[in-house]
Amino acid sequence: MIGQLVTFEDLKAATGYTRLSDLERCLKKAGIRYSYGKDGIWTTIEAVNAGLGLRPPENDAAYQPDQVL
């Protein structure tokens, strides 16, 4: 889903960090962009994927069978 938010609580559960400063450091190290809201920091699933070096294929038809395996 495009624009899916990842909340502060989601980030804490995913990383195991509970302190804001530790979580910020973890996200910065991974290259994950985030922002601040009234309930803590948040990001999007797209930003998480980008920080992990993942991106959706631009055109599924462009893949060849030997590239999938």
PDB file of N, CA and C in Angstrom:
ATOM      1  N   MET A   1       0.843  -1.175   0.000  1.00  0.00           N
ATOM      2  CA  MET A   1       0.000   0.000   0.000  1.00  0.00           C
ATOM      3  C   MET A   1       0.890   1.241   0.000  1.00  0.00           C
ATOM      4  N   ILE A   2       0.668   2.132  -0.931  1.00  0.00           N
ATOM      5  CA  ILE A   2       1.471   3.347  -1.033  1.00  0.00           C
ATOM      6  C   ILE A   2       1.104   4.281   0.116  1.00  0.00           C
ATOM      7  N   GLY A   3       2.127   4.827   0.765  1.00  0.00           N
ATOM      8  CA  GLY A   3       1.905   5.777   1.841  1.00  0.00           C
ATOM      9  C   GLY A   3       1.580   5.153   3.180  1.00  0.00           C
ATOM     10  N   GLN A   4       1.796   3.862   3.347  1.00  0.00           N
ATOM     11  CA  GLN A   4       1.496   3.218   4.613  1.00  0.00           C
ATOM     12  C   GLN A   4       2.433   3.742   5.697  1.00  0.00           C
ATOM     13  N   LEU A   5       1.867   4.236   6.789  1.00  0.00           N
ATOM     14  CA  LEU A   5       2.666   4.790   7.876  1.00  0.00           C
ATOM     15  C   LEU A   5       3.204   3.708   8.795  1.00  0.00           C
ATOM     16  N   VAL A   6       4.399   3.957   9.304  1.00  0.00           N
ATOM     17  CA  VAL A   6       5.007   3.115  10.320  1.00  0.00           C
ATOM     18  C   VAL A   6       5.133   4.002  11.556  1.00  0.00           C
ATOM     19  N   THR A   7       4.390   3.664  12.592  1.00  0.00           N
ATOM     20  CA  THR A   7       4.309   4.511  13.783  1.00  0.00           C
ATOM     21  C   THR A   7       5.488   4.293  14.726  1.00  0.00           C
ATOM     22  N   PHE A   8       5.567   5.167  15.702  1.00  0.00           N
ATOM     23  CA  PHE A   8       6.589   5.074  16.740  1.00  0.00           C
ATOM     24  C   PHE A   8       6.514   3.711  17.426  1.00  0.00           C
ATOM     25  N   GLU A   9       5.300   3.262  17.726  1.00  0.00           N
ATOM     26  CA  GLU A   9       5.125   1.956  18.377  1.00  0.00           C
ATOM     27  C   GLU A   9       5.584   0.822  17.458  1.00  0.00           C
ATOM     28  N   ASP A  10       5.282   0.924  16.166  1.00  0.00           N
ATOM     29  CA  ASP A  10       5.741  -0.075  15.198  1.00  0.00           C
ATOM     30  C   ASP A  10       7.262  -0.119  15.147  1.00  0.00           C
ATOM     31  N   LEU A  11       7.883   1.065  15.121  1.00  0.00           N
ATOM     32  CA  LEU A  11       9.341   1.147  15.054  1.00  0.00           C
ATOM     33  C   LEU A  11       9.989   0.556  16.302  1.00  0.00           C
ATOM     34  N   LYS A  12       9.405   0.837  17.462  1.00  0.00           N
ATOM     35  CA  LYS A  12       9.947   0.274  18.703  1.00  0.00           C
ATOM     36  C   LYS A  12       9.850  -1.249  18.686  1.00  0.00           C
ATOM     37  N   ALA A  13       8.721  -1.772  18.218  1.00  0.00           N
ATOM     38  CA  ALA A  13       8.546  -3.221  18.171  1.00  0.00           C
ATOM     39  C   ALA A  13       9.498  -3.867  17.165  1.00  0.00           C
ATOM     40  N   ALA A  14       9.704  -3.223  16.036  1.00  0.00           N
ATOM     41  CA  ALA A  14      10.557  -3.788  14.990  1.00  0.00           C
ATOM     42  C   ALA A  14      12.028  -3.774  15.358  1.00  0.00           C
ATOM     43  N   THR A  15      12.475  -2.726  16.058  1.00  0.00           N
ATOM     44  CA  THR A  15      13.901  -2.586  16.363  1.00  0.00           C
ATOM     45  C   THR A  15      14.289  -3.092  17.739  1.00  0.00           C
ATOM     46  N   GLY A  16      13.338  -3.097  18.659  1.00  0.00           N
ATOM     47  CA  GLY A  16      13.644  -3.476  20.036  1.00  0.00           C
ATOM     48  C   GLY A  16      14.109  -2.305  20.884  1.00  0.00           C
ATOM     49  N   TYR A  17      14.269  -1.137  20.270  1.00  0.00           N
ATOM     50  CA  TYR A  17      14.671   0.055  21.015  1.00  0.00           C
ATOM     51  C   TYR A  17      13.430   0.737  21.574  1.00  0.00           C
ATOM     52  N   THR A  18      13.509   1.173  22.820  1.00  0.00           N
ATOM     53  CA  THR A  18      12.373   1.845  23.443  1.00  0.00           C
ATOM     54  C   THR A  18      12.627   3.327  23.655  1.00  0.00           C
ATOM     55  N   ARG A  19      13.893   3.713  23.774  1.00  0.00           N
ATOM     56  CA  ARG A  19      14.217   5.132  23.951  1.00  0.00           C
ATOM     57  C   ARG A  19      14.267   5.826  22.602  1.00  0.00           C
ATOM     58  N   LEU A  20      13.719   7.033  22.549  1.00  0.00           N
ATOM     59  CA  LEU A  20      13.670   7.803  21.317  1.00  0.00           C
ATOM     60  C   LEU A  20      15.058   7.995  20.723  1.00  0.00           C
ATOM     61  N   SER A  21      16.027   8.360  21.537  1.00  0.00           N
ATOM     62  CA  SER A  21      17.375   8.624  21.013  1.00  0.00           C
ATOM     63  C   SER A  21      17.996   7.371  20.402  1.00  0.00           C
ATOM     64  N   ASP A  22      17.772   6.215  21.018  1.00  0.00           N
ATOM     65  CA  ASP A  22      18.302   4.965  20.466  1.00  0.00           C
ATOM     66  C   ASP A  22      17.634   4.624  19.141  1.00  0.00           C
ATOM     67  N   LEU A  23      16.332   4.835  19.072  1.00  0.00           N
ATOM     68  CA  LEU A  23      15.593   4.552  17.854  1.00  0.00           C
ATOM     69  C   LEU A  23      16.007   5.491  16.723  1.00  0.00           C
ATOM     70  N   GLU A  24      16.187   6.765  17.031  1.00  0.00           N
ATOM     71  CA  GLU A  24      16.657   7.726  16.029  1.00  0.00           C
ATOM     72  C   GLU A  24      18.021   7.319  15.486  1.00  0.00           C
ATOM     73  N   ARG A  25      18.920   6.931  16.359  1.00  0.00           N
ATOM     74  CA  ARG A  25      20.265   6.520  15.956  1.00  0.00           C
ATOM     75  C   ARG A  25      20.185   5.286  15.042  1.00  0.00           C
ATOM     76  N   CYS A  26      19.334   4.348  15.386  1.00  0.00           N
ATOM     77  CA  CYS A  26      19.158   3.138  14.579  1.00  0.00           C
ATOM     78  C   CYS A  26      18.645   3.482  13.181  1.00  0.00           C
ATOM     79  N   LEU A  27      17.646   4.354  13.101  1.00  0.00           N
ATOM     80  CA  LEU A  27      17.077   4.739  11.811  1.00  0.00           C
ATOM     81  C   LEU A  27      18.086   5.512  10.971  1.00  0.00           C
ATOM     82  N   LYS A  28      18.823   6.411  11.601  1.00  0.00           N
ATOM     83  CA  LYS A  28      19.838   7.174  10.869  1.00  0.00           C
ATOM     84  C   LYS A  28      20.910   6.250  10.309  1.00  0.00           C
ATOM     85  N   LYS A  29      21.346   5.297  11.114  1.00  0.00           N
ATOM     86  CA  LYS A  29      22.381   4.358  10.679  1.00  0.00           C
ATOM     87  C   LYS A  29      21.903   3.531   9.490  1.00  0.00           C
ATOM     88  N   ALA A  30      20.619   3.192   9.478  1.00  0.00           N
ATOM     89  CA  ALA A  30      20.051   2.400   8.384  1.00  0.00           C
ATOM     90  C   ALA A  30      19.675   3.255   7.179  1.00  0.00           C
ATOM     91  N   GLY A  31      19.773   4.576   7.308  1.00  0.00           N
ATOM     92  CA  GLY A  31      19.420   5.459   6.201  1.00  0.00           C
ATOM     93  C   GLY A  31      17.922   5.592   5.996  1.00  0.00           C
ATOM     94  N   ILE A  32      17.157   5.407   7.056  1.00  0.00           N
ATOM     95  CA  ILE A  32      15.699   5.494   6.981  1.00  0.00           C
ATOM     96  C   ILE A  32      15.259   6.887   7.398  1.00  0.00           C
ATOM     97  N   ARG A  33      14.607   7.579   6.483  1.00  0.00           N
ATOM     98  CA  ARG A  33      14.124   8.933   6.777  1.00  0.00           C
ATOM     99  C   ARG A  33      12.877   8.847   7.648  1.00  0.00           C
ATOM    100  N   TYR A  34      12.741   9.796   8.562  1.00  0.00           N
ATOM    101  CA  TYR A  34      11.601   9.813   9.474  1.00  0.00           C
ATOM    102  C   TYR A  34      11.239  11.243   9.803  1.00  0.00           C
ATOM    103  N   SER A  35      10.102  11.393  10.464  1.00  0.00           N
ATOM    104  CA  SER A  35       9.643  12.712  10.862  1.00  0.00           C
ATOM    105  C   SER A  35       9.064  12.618  12.268  1.00  0.00           C
ATOM    106  N   TYR A  36       8.729  13.777  12.827  1.00  0.00           N
ATOM    107  CA  TYR A  36       8.204  13.836  14.188  1.00  0.00           C
ATOM    108  C   TYR A  36       6.733  14.211  14.176  1.00  0.00           C
ATOM    109  N   GLY A  37       5.967  13.563  15.035  1.00  0.00           N
ATOM    110  CA  GLY A  37       4.567  13.888  15.235  1.00  0.00           C
ATOM    111  C   GLY A  37       4.294  14.005  16.723  1.00  0.00           C
ATOM    112  N   LYS A  38       3.066  14.298  17.089  1.00  0.00           N
ATOM    113  CA  LYS A  38       2.756  14.480  18.515  1.00  0.00           C
ATOM    114  C   LYS A  38       2.886  13.184  19.310  1.00  0.00           C
ATOM    115  N   ASP A  39       2.784  12.039  18.626  1.00  0.00           N
ATOM    116  CA  ASP A  39       2.891  10.749  19.304  1.00  0.00           C
ATOM    117  C   ASP A  39       4.259  10.104  19.148  1.00  0.00           C
ATOM    118  N   GLY A  40       5.241  10.862  18.657  1.00  0.00           N
ATOM    119  CA  GLY A  40       6.591  10.329  18.474  1.00  0.00           C
ATOM    120  C   GLY A  40       6.986  10.354  17.013  1.00  0.00           C
ATOM    121  N   ILE A  41       8.087   9.687  16.702  1.00  0.00           N
ATOM    122  CA  ILE A  41       8.553   9.690  15.325  1.00  0.00           C
ATOM    123  C   ILE A  41       7.735   8.702  14.497  1.00  0.00           C
ATOM    124  N   TRP A  42       7.731   8.932  13.204  1.00  0.00           N
ATOM    125  CA  TRP A  42       7.034   8.055  12.280  1.00  0.00           C
ATOM    126  C   TRP A  42       7.763   8.064  10.953  1.00  0.00           C
ATOM    127  N   THR A  43       7.469   7.100  10.135  1.00  0.00           N
ATOM    128  CA  THR A  43       8.025   7.005   8.795  1.00  0.00           C
ATOM    129  C   THR A  43       7.013   6.286   7.923  1.00  0.00           C
ATOM    130  N   THR A  44       7.407   5.919   6.740  1.00  0.00           N
ATOM    131  CA  THR A  44       6.539   5.150   5.859  1.00  0.00           C
ATOM    132  C   THR A  44       7.228   3.842   5.504  1.00  0.00           C
ATOM    133  N   ILE A  45       6.443   2.888   5.063  1.00  0.00           N
ATOM    134  CA  ILE A  45       7.020   1.611   4.657  1.00  0.00           C
ATOM    135  C   ILE A  45       7.943   1.809   3.465  1.00  0.00           C
ATOM    136  N   GLU A  46       7.630   2.782   2.609  1.00  0.00           N
ATOM    137  CA  GLU A  46       8.495   3.072   1.470  1.00  0.00           C
ATOM    138  C   GLU A  46       9.861   3.578   1.928  1.00  0.00           C
ATOM    139  N   ALA A  47       9.879   4.423   2.965  1.00  0.00           N
ATOM    140  CA  ALA A  47      11.142   4.936   3.496  1.00  0.00           C
ATOM    141  C   ALA A  47      11.960   3.813   4.134  1.00  0.00           C
ATOM    142  N   VAL A  48      11.284   2.911   4.821  1.00  0.00           N
ATOM    143  CA  VAL A  48      11.982   1.762   5.416  1.00  0.00           C
ATOM    144  C   VAL A  48      12.592   0.910   4.311  1.00  0.00           C
ATOM    145  N   ASN A  49      11.799   0.598   3.293  1.00  0.00           N
ATOM    146  CA  ASN A  49      12.309  -0.211   2.189  1.00  0.00           C
ATOM    147  C   ASN A  49      13.471   0.470   1.479  1.00  0.00           C
ATOM    148  N   ALA A  50      13.368   1.779   1.265  1.00  0.00           N
ATOM    149  CA  ALA A  50      14.453   2.516   0.608  1.00  0.00           C
ATOM    150  C   ALA A  50      15.724   2.459   1.454  1.00  0.00           C
ATOM    151  N   GLY A  51      15.592   2.606   2.767  1.00  0.00           N
ATOM    152  CA  GLY A  51      16.744   2.540   3.654  1.00  0.00           C
ATOM    153  C   GLY A  51      17.402   1.168   3.646  1.00  0.00           C
ATOM    154  N   LEU A  52      16.601   0.147   3.371  1.00  0.00           N
ATOM    155  CA  LEU A  52      17.126  -1.219   3.303  1.00  0.00           C
ATOM    156  C   LEU A  52      17.610  -1.590   1.907  1.00  0.00           C
ATOM    157  N   GLY A  53      17.497  -0.639   0.981  1.00  0.00           N
ATOM    158  CA  GLY A  53      17.958  -0.891  -0.383  1.00  0.00           C
ATOM    159  C   GLY A  53      16.938  -1.621  -1.238  1.00  0.00           C
ATOM    160  N   LEU A  54      15.702  -1.670  -0.783  1.00  0.00           N
ATOM    161  CA  LEU A  54      14.643  -2.334  -1.537  1.00  0.00           C
ATOM    162  C   LEU A  54      13.798  -1.303  -2.247  1.00  0.00           C
ATOM    163  N   ARG A  55      13.345  -1.651  -3.415  1.00  0.00           N
ATOM    164  CA  ARG A  55      12.420  -0.771  -4.113  1.00  0.00           C
ATOM    165  C   ARG A  55      11.533  -1.641  -4.986  1.00  0.00           C
ATOM    166  N   PRO A  56      10.311  -1.201  -5.224  1.00  0.00           N
ATOM    167  CA  PRO A  56       9.421  -2.008  -6.058  1.00  0.00           C
ATOM    168  C   PRO A  56       9.902  -2.006  -7.503  1.00  0.00           C
ATOM    169  N   PRO A  57       9.686  -3.083  -8.207  1.00  0.00           N
ATOM    170  CA  PRO A  57      10.082  -3.107  -9.611  1.00  0.00           C
ATOM    171  C   PRO A  57       9.292  -2.080 -10.396  1.00  0.00           C
ATOM    172  N   GLU A  58       9.974  -1.405 -11.322  1.00  0.00           N
ATOM    173  CA  GLU A  58       9.311  -0.387 -12.127  1.00  0.00           C
ATOM    174  C   GLU A  58       8.351  -1.019 -13.127  1.00  0.00           C
ATOM    175  N   ASN A  59       8.717  -2.208 -13.590  1.00  0.00           N
ATOM    176  CA  ASN A  59       7.878  -2.883 -14.562  1.00  0.00           C
ATOM    177  C   ASN A  59       8.107  -4.382 -14.394  1.00  0.00           C
ATOM    178  N   ASP A  60       7.112  -5.084 -13.863  1.00  0.00           N
ATOM    179  CA  ASP A  60       7.260  -6.515 -13.630  1.00  0.00           C
ATOM    180  C   ASP A  60       7.602  -7.276 -14.905  1.00  0.00           C
ATOM    181  N   ALA A  61       7.120  -6.803 -16.032  1.00  0.00           N
ATOM    182  CA  ALA A  61       7.365  -7.485 -17.297  1.00  0.00           C
ATOM    183  C   ALA A  61       8.833  -7.374 -17.726  1.00  0.00           C
ATOM    184  N   ALA A  62       9.578  -6.451 -17.128  1.00  0.00           N
ATOM    185  CA  ALA A  62      10.969  -6.258 -17.510  1.00  0.00           C
ATOM    186  C   ALA A  62      11.874  -7.363 -16.976  1.00  0.00           C
ATOM    187  N   TYR A  63      11.402  -8.150 -15.993  1.00  0.00           N
ATOM    188  CA  TYR A  63      12.222  -9.214 -15.441  1.00  0.00           C
ATOM    189  C   TYR A  63      12.251 -10.416 -16.370  1.00  0.00           C
ATOM    190  N   GLN A  64      13.415 -10.973 -16.496  1.00  0.00           N
ATOM    191  CA  GLN A  64      13.598 -12.217 -17.248  1.00  0.00           C
ATOM    192  C   GLN A  64      13.597 -13.374 -16.266  1.00  0.00           C
ATOM    193  N   PRO A  65      13.218 -14.573 -16.680  1.00  0.00           N
ATOM    194  CA  PRO A  65      13.165 -15.718 -15.763  1.00  0.00           C
ATOM    195  C   PRO A  65      14.479 -15.970 -15.029  1.00  0.00           C
ATOM    196  N   ASP A  66      15.615 -15.781 -15.697  1.00  0.00           N
ATOM    197  CA  ASP A  66      16.893 -16.034 -15.042  1.00  0.00           C
ATOM    198  C   ASP A  66      17.242 -14.988 -13.985  1.00  0.00           C
ATOM    199  N   GLN A  67      16.580 -13.830 -13.998  1.00  0.00           N
ATOM    200  CA  GLN A  67      16.823 -12.793 -12.996  1.00  0.00           C
ATOM    201  C   GLN A  67      16.056 -13.065 -11.712  1.00  0.00           C
ATOM    202  N   VAL A  68      15.014 -13.858 -11.766  1.00  0.00           N
ATOM    203  CA  VAL A  68      14.174 -14.134 -10.610  1.00  0.00           C
ATOM    204  C   VAL A  68      14.830 -15.105  -9.671  1.00  0.00           C
ATOM    205  N   LEU A  69      15.556 -16.058 -10.208  1.00  0.00           N
ATOM    206  CA  LEU A  69      16.159 -17.108  -9.381  1.00  0.00           C
ATOM    207  C   LEU A  69      17.472 -16.736  -8.842  1.00  0.00           C
TER     208      LEU A  69
END
